[in-house]
Amino acid sequence: MKNIKTFIIGFLTCACMFLIMGQTKNESPIGKYQGWATDDGMFIVDTATGELYLYGTIQNRWRKMSGKEIFKK
C-alpha cells in the first residue's frame, strides 16, 4: 500500500510539472529572421512583421526596403 501511494504521488507530481512547463511562454528572437543572399546582395526578412532588409555593400549597413523597391524587378 505504501508503494502505491508513493507511485501515485510521483505520477501526479510529474503530470503537474508537465502542465506547468507547457504553459510558460518563450519569447526569444530565435527564428524571427530569415536570411538569404543573391547576386544583388544579402537580404533578411522579419517573419513577425514582414519587413525586408537589404545589406548595402556601399554603406556597409542594413537598410529597410520600401514596397516600390521590392516589386521593382
C-alpha atoms as a PDB file:
ATOM      1  CA  MET A   1       0.000   0.000   0.000  1.00  0.00           C
ATOM      2  CA  LYS A   2       2.869   2.350   0.821  1.00  0.00           C
ATOM      3  CA  ASN A   3       4.469   1.808  -2.613  1.00  0.00           C
ATOM      4  CA  ILE A   4       1.209   2.588  -4.413  1.00  0.00           C
ATOM      5  CA  LYS A   5       0.861   5.912  -2.595  1.00  0.00           C
ATOM      6  CA  THR A   6       4.438   6.860  -3.476  1.00  0.00           C
ATOM      7  CA  PHE A   7       3.858   5.892  -7.114  1.00  0.00           C
ATOM      8  CA  ILE A   8       0.632   7.929  -7.332  1.00  0.00           C
ATOM      9  CA  ILE A   9       2.240  10.997  -5.696  1.00  0.00           C
ATOM     10  CA  GLY A  10       5.205  10.767  -8.081  1.00  0.00           C
ATOM     11  CA  PHE A  11       2.961  10.366 -11.107  1.00  0.00           C
ATOM     12  CA  LEU A  12       0.761  13.330 -10.168  1.00  0.00           C
ATOM     13  CA  THR A  13       3.810  15.486  -9.434  1.00  0.00           C
ATOM     14  CA  CYS A  14       5.261  14.619 -12.843  1.00  0.00           C
ATOM     15  CA  ALA A  15       1.936  15.379 -14.556  1.00  0.00           C
ATOM     16  CA  CYS A  16       1.734  18.769 -12.801  1.00  0.00           C
ATOM     17  CA  MET A  17       5.293  19.615 -13.839  1.00  0.00           C
ATOM     18  CA  PHE A  18       4.464  18.890 -17.497  1.00  0.00           C
ATOM     19  CA  LEU A  19       1.381  21.112 -17.299  1.00  0.00           C
ATOM     20  CA  ILE A  20       3.254  23.969 -15.617  1.00  0.00           C
ATOM     21  CA  MET A  21       6.196  23.832 -18.028  1.00  0.00           C
ATOM     22  CA  GLY A  22       3.853  23.714 -21.021  1.00  0.00           C
ATOM     23  CA  GLN A  23       2.210  26.988 -20.008  1.00  0.00           C
ATOM     24  CA  THR A  24       5.400  29.084 -19.866  1.00  0.00           C
ATOM     25  CA  LYS A  25       5.977  31.498 -22.745  1.00  0.00           C
ATOM     26  CA  ASN A  26       9.209  31.532 -24.684  1.00  0.00           C
ATOM     27  CA  GLU A  27       9.694  34.960 -26.257  1.00  0.00           C
ATOM     28  CA  SER A  28      13.164  34.508 -27.679  1.00  0.00           C
ATOM     29  CA  PRO A  29      14.030  36.077 -31.045  1.00  0.00           C
ATOM     30  CA  ILE A  30      15.315  32.755 -32.381  1.00  0.00           C
ATOM     31  CA  GLY A  31      13.635  32.048 -35.695  1.00  0.00           C
ATOM     32  CA  LYS A  32      12.302  35.597 -36.068  1.00  0.00           C
ATOM     33  CA  TYR A  33      14.529  36.434 -39.046  1.00  0.00           C
ATOM     34  CA  GLN A  34      15.103  34.502 -42.271  1.00  0.00           C
ATOM     35  CA  GLY A  35      18.020  35.418 -44.493  1.00  0.00           C
ATOM     36  CA  TRP A  36      19.360  34.652 -47.941  1.00  0.00           C
ATOM     37  CA  ALA A  37      21.840  36.023 -50.467  1.00  0.00           C
ATOM     38  CA  THR A  38      21.607  36.607 -54.206  1.00  0.00           C
ATOM     39  CA  ASP A  39      23.726  38.368 -56.812  1.00  0.00           C
ATOM     40  CA  ASP A  40      22.008  41.629 -55.794  1.00  0.00           C
ATOM     41  CA  GLY A  41      23.078  41.355 -52.140  1.00  0.00           C
ATOM     42  CA  MET A  42      22.095  39.906 -48.791  1.00  0.00           C
ATOM     43  CA  PHE A  43      18.513  40.037 -47.563  1.00  0.00           C
ATOM     44  CA  ILE A  44      16.770  39.459 -44.235  1.00  0.00           C
ATOM     45  CA  VAL A  45      13.011  39.315 -43.691  1.00  0.00           C
ATOM     46  CA  ASP A  46      11.408  39.805 -40.266  1.00  0.00           C
ATOM     47  CA  THR A  47       8.869  36.970 -40.160  1.00  0.00           C
ATOM     48  CA  ALA A  48       6.822  38.671 -37.430  1.00  0.00           C
ATOM     49  CA  THR A  49       6.204  41.913 -39.358  1.00  0.00           C
ATOM     50  CA  GLY A  50       7.109  41.026 -42.970  1.00  0.00           C
ATOM     51  CA  GLU A  51       9.671  43.838 -43.263  1.00  0.00           C
ATOM     52  CA  LEU A  52      12.507  43.245 -45.726  1.00  0.00           C
ATOM     53  CA  TYR A  53      16.061  44.490 -45.154  1.00  0.00           C
ATOM     54  CA  LEU A  54      18.939  44.718 -47.635  1.00  0.00           C
ATOM     55  CA  TYR A  55      22.620  44.821 -46.707  1.00  0.00           C
ATOM     56  CA  GLY A  56      24.232  47.585 -48.729  1.00  0.00           C
ATOM     57  CA  THR A  57      27.828  46.932 -49.664  1.00  0.00           C
ATOM     58  CA  ILE A  58      28.482  50.629 -50.274  1.00  0.00           C
ATOM     59  CA  GLN A  59      27.173  51.837 -46.897  1.00  0.00           C
ATOM     60  CA  ASN A  60      28.084  48.589 -45.055  1.00  0.00           C
ATOM     61  CA  ARG A  61      24.809  48.624 -43.133  1.00  0.00           C
ATOM     62  CA  TRP A  62      21.313  47.137 -43.217  1.00  0.00           C
ATOM     63  CA  ARG A  63      18.526  49.281 -44.624  1.00  0.00           C
ATOM     64  CA  LYS A  64      14.798  48.696 -44.774  1.00  0.00           C
ATOM     65  CA  MET A  65      13.430  48.268 -48.283  1.00  0.00           C
ATOM     66  CA  SER A  66      10.228  50.011 -49.325  1.00  0.00           C
ATOM     67  CA  GLY A  67       7.419  48.387 -51.296  1.00  0.00           C
ATOM     68  CA  LYS A  68       8.419  50.133 -54.535  1.00  0.00           C
ATOM     69  CA  GLU A  69      11.973  48.770 -54.323  1.00  0.00           C
ATOM     70  CA  ILE A  70      10.791  45.227 -53.600  1.00  0.00           C
ATOM     71  CA  PHE A  71       8.489  44.962 -56.634  1.00  0.00           C
ATOM     72  CA  LYS A  72      10.723  46.993 -58.953  1.00  0.00           C
ATOM     73  CA  LYS A  73      12.241  43.969 -60.700  1.00  0.00           C
END
